[in-house]
Amino acid sequence: MSVNIEKGNNEIEFENIIKKSNNVYQFDVDDFEMDDVSISDITITLTYNDDSSRTYTYSEYQITKK
């Protein structure tokens, strides 16, 4: 499965979305552009936490959103 989201001049594409377990997903970011930031070809792990927050992990970077 893949998802492409566009909002104004910003665009992000998610590729190869895989369910690893009940609360963990992994996906590739094929292309992400926002203002002057451009990211491509990375794999992100998304974990749904017990407190209803979400943790996104890439390499040594980690962001938790509620």
PDB file of N, CA and C in Angstrom:
ATOM      1  N   MET A   1       0.847  -1.165   0.000  1.00  0.00           N
ATOM      2  CA  MET A   1       0.000   0.000   0.000  1.00  0.00           C
ATOM      3  C   MET A   1       0.896   1.233   0.000  1.00  0.00           C
ATOM      4  N   SER A   2       0.407   2.288  -0.616  1.00  0.00           N
ATOM      5  CA  SER A   2       1.116   3.561  -0.578  1.00  0.00           C
ATOM      6  C   SER A   2       0.101   4.683  -0.413  1.00  0.00           C
ATOM      7  N   VAL A   3       0.559   5.798   0.169  1.00  0.00           N
ATOM      8  CA  VAL A   3      -0.294   6.957   0.415  1.00  0.00           C
ATOM      9  C   VAL A   3       0.455   8.198  -0.043  1.00  0.00           C
ATOM     10  N   ASN A   4      -0.237   9.089  -0.728  1.00  0.00           N
ATOM     11  CA  ASN A   4       0.330  10.356  -1.164  1.00  0.00           C
ATOM     12  C   ASN A   4      -0.555  11.470  -0.624  1.00  0.00           C
ATOM     13  N   ILE A   5       0.015  12.398   0.141  1.00  0.00           N
ATOM     14  CA  ILE A   5      -0.744  13.505   0.738  1.00  0.00           C
ATOM     15  C   ILE A   5      -0.177  14.811   0.200  1.00  0.00           C
ATOM     16  N   GLU A   6      -1.058  15.658  -0.312  1.00  0.00           N
ATOM     17  CA  GLU A   6      -0.661  16.978  -0.794  1.00  0.00           C
ATOM     18  C   GLU A   6      -1.513  18.032  -0.109  1.00  0.00           C
ATOM     19  N   LYS A   7      -0.853  19.080   0.381  1.00  0.00           N
ATOM     20  CA  LYS A   7      -1.548  20.213   0.994  1.00  0.00           C
ATOM     21  C   LYS A   7      -0.812  21.475   0.592  1.00  0.00           C
ATOM     22  N   GLY A   8      -1.433  22.252  -0.265  1.00  0.00           N
ATOM     23  CA  GLY A   8      -0.763  23.438  -0.783  1.00  0.00           C
ATOM     24  C   GLY A   8       0.464  23.036  -1.566  1.00  0.00           C
ATOM     25  N   ASN A   9       1.612  23.599  -1.220  1.00  0.00           N
ATOM     26  CA  ASN A   9       2.865  23.248  -1.888  1.00  0.00           C
ATOM     27  C   ASN A   9       3.602  22.108  -1.210  1.00  0.00           C
ATOM     28  N   ASN A  10       3.024  21.546  -0.144  1.00  0.00           N
ATOM     29  CA  ASN A  10       3.670  20.474   0.602  1.00  0.00           C
ATOM     30  C   ASN A  10       3.162  19.116   0.130  1.00  0.00           C
ATOM     31  N   GLU A  11       4.063  18.143   0.077  1.00  0.00           N
ATOM     32  CA  GLU A  11       3.702  16.808  -0.386  1.00  0.00           C
ATOM     33  C   GLU A  11       4.505  15.772   0.383  1.00  0.00           C
ATOM     34  N   ILE A  12       3.863  14.635   0.717  1.00  0.00           N
ATOM     35  CA  ILE A  12       4.564  13.521   1.354  1.00  0.00           C
ATOM     36  C   ILE A  12       4.001  12.222   0.797  1.00  0.00           C
ATOM     37  N   GLU A  13       4.883  11.262   0.527  1.00  0.00           N
ATOM     38  CA  GLU A  13       4.489   9.966   0.003  1.00  0.00           C
ATOM     39  C   GLU A  13       4.985   8.875   0.942  1.00  0.00           C
ATOM     40  N   PHE A  14       4.091   7.947   1.302  1.00  0.00           N
ATOM     41  CA  PHE A  14       4.431   6.797   2.126  1.00  0.00           C
ATOM     42  C   PHE A  14       4.305   5.552   1.263  1.00  0.00           C
ATOM     43  N   GLU A  15       5.328   4.710   1.267  1.00  0.00           N
ATOM     44  CA  GLU A  15       5.351   3.500   0.448  1.00  0.00           C
ATOM     45  C   GLU A  15       5.584   2.283   1.335  1.00  0.00           C
ATOM     46  N   ASN A  16       5.180   1.116   0.840  1.00  0.00           N
ATOM     47  CA  ASN A  16       5.465  -0.166   1.502  1.00  0.00           C
ATOM     48  C   ASN A  16       5.045  -0.176   2.968  1.00  0.00           C
ATOM     49  N   ILE A  17       3.811   0.169   3.253  1.00  0.00           N
ATOM     50  CA  ILE A  17       3.304   0.184   4.630  1.00  0.00           C
ATOM     51  C   ILE A  17       3.085  -1.258   5.074  1.00  0.00           C
ATOM     52  N   ILE A  18       3.765  -1.645   6.148  1.00  0.00           N
ATOM     53  CA  ILE A  18       3.737  -3.026   6.630  1.00  0.00           C
ATOM     54  C   ILE A  18       3.346  -3.048   8.100  1.00  0.00           C
ATOM     55  N   LYS A  19       2.395  -3.904   8.454  1.00  0.00           N
ATOM     56  CA  LYS A  19       2.019  -4.101   9.856  1.00  0.00           C
ATOM     57  C   LYS A  19       2.964  -5.131  10.451  1.00  0.00           C
ATOM     58  N   LYS A  20       3.797  -4.704  11.417  1.00  0.00           N
ATOM     59  CA  LYS A  20       4.776  -5.577  12.051  1.00  0.00           C
ATOM     60  C   LYS A  20       4.187  -6.342  13.233  1.00  0.00           C
ATOM     61  N   SER A  21       3.248  -5.700  13.957  1.00  0.00           N
ATOM     62  CA  SER A  21       2.550  -6.319  15.080  1.00  0.00           C
ATOM     63  C   SER A  21       1.261  -5.532  15.294  1.00  0.00           C
ATOM     64  N   ASN A  22       0.537  -5.822  16.365  1.00  0.00           N
ATOM     65  CA  ASN A  22      -0.744  -5.140  16.604  1.00  0.00           C
ATOM     66  C   ASN A  22      -0.609  -3.631  16.736  1.00  0.00           C
ATOM     67  N   ASN A  23       0.519  -3.166  17.225  1.00  0.00           N
ATOM     68  CA  ASN A  23       0.677  -1.720  17.435  1.00  0.00           C
ATOM     69  C   ASN A  23       1.898  -1.113  16.745  1.00  0.00           C
ATOM     70  N   VAL A  24       2.545  -1.859  15.865  1.00  0.00           N
ATOM     71  CA  VAL A  24       3.750  -1.362  15.198  1.00  0.00           C
ATOM     72  C   VAL A  24       3.620  -1.507  13.678  1.00  0.00           C
ATOM     73  N   TYR A  25       3.895  -0.399  12.988  1.00  0.00           N
ATOM     74  CA  TYR A  25       3.882  -0.373  11.531  1.00  0.00           C
ATOM     75  C   TYR A  25       5.219   0.175  11.050  1.00  0.00           C
ATOM     76  N   GLN A  26       5.590  -0.221   9.849  1.00  0.00           N
ATOM     77  CA  GLN A  26       6.811   0.292   9.255  1.00  0.00           C
ATOM     78  C   GLN A  26       6.479   0.758   7.836  1.00  0.00           C
ATOM     79  N   PHE A  27       7.048   1.891   7.431  1.00  0.00           N
ATOM     80  CA  PHE A  27       6.786   2.396   6.089  1.00  0.00           C
ATOM     81  C   PHE A  27       7.962   3.213   5.584  1.00  0.00           C
ATOM     82  N   ASP A  28       8.036   3.293   4.278  1.00  0.00           N
ATOM     83  CA  ASP A  28       9.078   4.079   3.624  1.00  0.00           C
ATOM     84  C   ASP A  28       8.515   5.455   3.280  1.00  0.00           C
ATOM     85  N   VAL A  29       9.318   6.467   3.484  1.00  0.00           N
ATOM     86  CA  VAL A  29       8.966   7.808   3.018  1.00  0.00           C
ATOM     87  C   VAL A  29       9.712   7.982   1.702  1.00  0.00           C
ATOM     88  N   ASP A  30       8.939   7.922   0.623  1.00  0.00           N
ATOM     89  CA  ASP A  30       9.524   8.023  -0.708  1.00  0.00           C
ATOM     90  C   ASP A  30       9.926   9.450  -1.020  1.00  0.00           C
ATOM     91  N   ASP A  31       9.075  10.397  -0.631  1.00  0.00           N
ATOM     92  CA  ASP A  31       9.351  11.800  -0.955  1.00  0.00           C
ATOM     93  C   ASP A  31       8.593  12.689   0.011  1.00  0.00           C
ATOM     94  N   PHE A  32       9.291  13.636   0.642  1.00  0.00           N
ATOM     95  CA  PHE A  32       8.670  14.585   1.568  1.00  0.00           C
ATOM     96  C   PHE A  32       9.243  15.959   1.285  1.00  0.00           C
ATOM     97  N   GLU A  33       8.360  16.912   1.031  1.00  0.00           N
ATOM     98  CA  GLU A  33       8.781  18.285   0.775  1.00  0.00           C
ATOM     99  C   GLU A  33       7.915  19.239   1.587  1.00  0.00           C
ATOM    100  N   MET A  34       8.556  20.100   2.367  1.00  0.00           N
ATOM    101  CA  MET A  34       7.841  21.122   3.120  1.00  0.00           C
ATOM    102  C   MET A  34       8.753  22.326   3.237  1.00  0.00           C
ATOM    103  N   ASP A  35       8.287  23.445   2.728  1.00  0.00           N
ATOM    104  CA  ASP A  35       9.084  24.669   2.720  1.00  0.00           C
ATOM    105  C   ASP A  35      10.455  24.379   2.100  1.00  0.00           C
ATOM    106  N   ASP A  36      11.528  24.471   2.875  1.00  0.00           N
ATOM    107  CA  ASP A  36      12.861  24.236   2.323  1.00  0.00           C
ATOM    108  C   ASP A  36      13.453  22.889   2.732  1.00  0.00           C
ATOM    109  N   VAL A  37      12.600  21.963   3.254  1.00  0.00           N
ATOM    110  CA  VAL A  37      13.056  20.644   3.693  1.00  0.00           C
ATOM    111  C   VAL A  37      12.627  19.602   2.669  1.00  0.00           C
ATOM    112  N   SER A  38      13.548  18.727   2.304  1.00  0.00           N
ATOM    113  CA  SER A  38      13.256  17.646   1.376  1.00  0.00           C
ATOM    114  C   SER A  38      13.903  16.371   1.896  1.00  0.00           C
ATOM    115  N   ILE A  39      13.096  15.300   2.046  1.00  0.00           N
ATOM    116  CA  ILE A  39      13.578  14.015   2.546  1.00  0.00           C
ATOM    117  C   ILE A  39      13.102  12.948   1.571  1.00  0.00           C
ATOM    118  N   SER A  40      13.945  11.963   1.305  1.00  0.00           N
ATOM    119  CA  SER A  40      13.512  10.863   0.451  1.00  0.00           C
ATOM    120  C   SER A  40      14.216   9.579   0.848  1.00  0.00           C
ATOM    121  N   ASP A  41      13.531   8.470   0.559  1.00  0.00           N
ATOM    122  CA  ASP A  41      14.086   7.130   0.739  1.00  0.00           C
ATOM    123  C   ASP A  41      14.551   6.823   2.164  1.00  0.00           C
ATOM    124  N   ILE A  42      13.653   7.002   3.143  1.00  0.00           N
ATOM    125  CA  ILE A  42      13.941   6.592   4.518  1.00  0.00           C
ATOM    126  C   ILE A  42      12.832   5.646   4.994  1.00  0.00           C
ATOM    127  N   THR A  43      13.113   4.841   6.004  1.00  0.00           N
ATOM    128  CA  THR A  43      12.135   3.929   6.589  1.00  0.00           C
ATOM    129  C   THR A  43      11.832   4.381   8.000  1.00  0.00           C
ATOM    130  N   ILE A  44      10.531   4.509   8.306  1.00  0.00           N
ATOM    131  CA  ILE A  44      10.073   4.967   9.616  1.00  0.00           C
ATOM    132  C   ILE A  44       9.281   3.848  10.293  1.00  0.00           C
ATOM    133  N   THR A  45       9.469   3.704  11.587  1.00  0.00           N
ATOM    134  CA  THR A  45       8.671   2.782  12.388  1.00  0.00           C
ATOM    135  C   THR A  45       7.685   3.599  13.206  1.00  0.00           C
ATOM    136  N   LEU A  46       6.420   3.237  13.117  1.00  0.00           N
ATOM    137  CA  LEU A  46       5.342   3.905  13.856  1.00  0.00           C
ATOM    138  C   LEU A  46       4.823   2.950  14.916  1.00  0.00           C
ATOM    139  N   THR A  47       4.843   3.388  16.181  1.00  0.00           N
ATOM    140  CA  THR A  47       4.345   2.580  17.292  1.00  0.00           C
ATOM    141  C   THR A  47       3.183   3.298  17.953  1.00  0.00           C
ATOM    142  N   TYR A  48       2.048   2.605  18.071  1.00  0.00           N
ATOM    143  CA  TYR A  48       0.903   3.125  18.819  1.00  0.00           C
ATOM    144  C   TYR A  48       1.079   2.704  20.272  1.00  0.00           C
ATOM    145  N   ASN A  49       1.184   3.680  21.179  1.00  0.00           N
ATOM    146  CA  ASN A  49       1.463   3.432  22.589  1.00  0.00           C
ATOM    147  C   ASN A  49       0.183   3.230  23.390  1.00  0.00           C
ATOM    148  N   ASP A  50       0.326   2.659  24.584  1.00  0.00           N
ATOM    149  CA  ASP A  50      -0.817   2.388  25.461  1.00  0.00           C
ATOM    150  C   ASP A  50      -1.577   3.647  25.866  1.00  0.00           C
ATOM    151  N   ASP A  51      -0.902   4.796  25.915  1.00  0.00           N
ATOM    152  CA  ASP A  51      -1.553   6.048  26.322  1.00  0.00           C
ATOM    153  C   ASP A  51      -2.170   6.791  25.127  1.00  0.00           C
ATOM    154  N   SER A  52      -2.356   6.093  24.010  1.00  0.00           N
ATOM    155  CA  SER A  52      -2.952   6.622  22.776  1.00  0.00           C
ATOM    156  C   SER A  52      -2.033   7.583  22.019  1.00  0.00           C
ATOM    157  N   SER A  53      -0.785   7.710  22.422  1.00  0.00           N
ATOM    158  CA  SER A  53       0.169   8.508  21.667  1.00  0.00           C
ATOM    159  C   SER A  53       0.791   7.636  20.575  1.00  0.00           C
ATOM    160  N   ARG A  54       1.500   8.286  19.652  1.00  0.00           N
ATOM    161  CA  ARG A  54       2.182   7.602  18.563  1.00  0.00           C
ATOM    162  C   ARG A  54       3.650   7.990  18.597  1.00  0.00           C
ATOM    163  N   THR A  55       4.524   7.018  18.438  1.00  0.00           N
ATOM    164  CA  THR A  55       5.953   7.285  18.392  1.00  0.00           C
ATOM    165  C   THR A  55       6.485   6.922  17.010  1.00  0.00           C
ATOM    166  N   TYR A  56       7.131   7.902  16.375  1.00  0.00           N
ATOM    167  CA  TYR A  56       7.749   7.726  15.066  1.00  0.00           C
ATOM    168  C   TYR A  56       9.252   7.635  15.273  1.00  0.00           C
ATOM    169  N   THR A  57       9.874   6.595  14.709  1.00  0.00           N
ATOM    170  CA  THR A  57      11.304   6.391  14.887  1.00  0.00           C
ATOM    171  C   THR A  57      11.990   6.233  13.536  1.00  0.00           C
ATOM    172  N   TYR A  58      13.087   6.977  13.367  1.00  0.00           N
ATOM    173  CA  TYR A  58      13.958   6.827  12.203  1.00  0.00           C
ATOM    174  C   TYR A  58      15.393   6.972  12.696  1.00  0.00           C
ATOM    175  N   SER A  59      16.180   5.938  12.492  1.00  0.00           N
ATOM    176  CA  SER A  59      17.570   5.949  12.903  1.00  0.00           C
ATOM    177  C   SER A  59      17.646   6.325  14.385  1.00  0.00           C
ATOM    178  N   GLU A  60      18.384   7.363  14.752  1.00  0.00           N
ATOM    179  CA  GLU A  60      18.480   7.770  16.159  1.00  0.00           C
ATOM    180  C   GLU A  60      17.434   8.826  16.535  1.00  0.00           C
ATOM    181  N   TYR A  61      16.577   9.187  15.596  1.00  0.00           N
ATOM    182  CA  TYR A  61      15.554  10.214  15.846  1.00  0.00           C
ATOM    183  C   TYR A  61      14.244   9.565  16.280  1.00  0.00           C
ATOM    184  N   GLN A  62      13.586  10.199  17.260  1.00  0.00           N
ATOM    185  CA  GLN A  62      12.313   9.690  17.757  1.00  0.00           C
ATOM    186  C   GLN A  62      11.414  10.844  18.161  1.00  0.00           C
ATOM    187  N   ILE A  63      10.145  10.797  17.698  1.00  0.00           N
ATOM    188  CA  ILE A  63       9.168  11.838  18.017  1.00  0.00           C
ATOM    189  C   ILE A  63       7.914  11.138  18.514  1.00  0.00           C
ATOM    190  N   THR A  64       7.361  11.608  19.640  1.00  0.00           N
ATOM    191  CA  THR A  64       6.105  11.075  20.156  1.00  0.00           C
ATOM    192  C   THR A  64       5.057  12.161  20.079  1.00  0.00           C
ATOM    193  N   LYS A  65       3.905  11.836  19.495  1.00  0.00           N
ATOM    194  CA  LYS A  65       2.773  12.764  19.333  1.00  0.00           C
ATOM    195  C   LYS A  65       1.573  12.214  20.075  1.00  0.00           C
ATOM    196  N   LYS A  66       0.843  13.114  20.730  1.00  0.00           N
ATOM    197  CA  LYS A  66      -0.395  12.704  21.418  1.00  0.00           C
ATOM    198  C   LYS A  66      -1.594  13.131  20.643  1.00  0.00           C
TER     199      LYS A  66
END
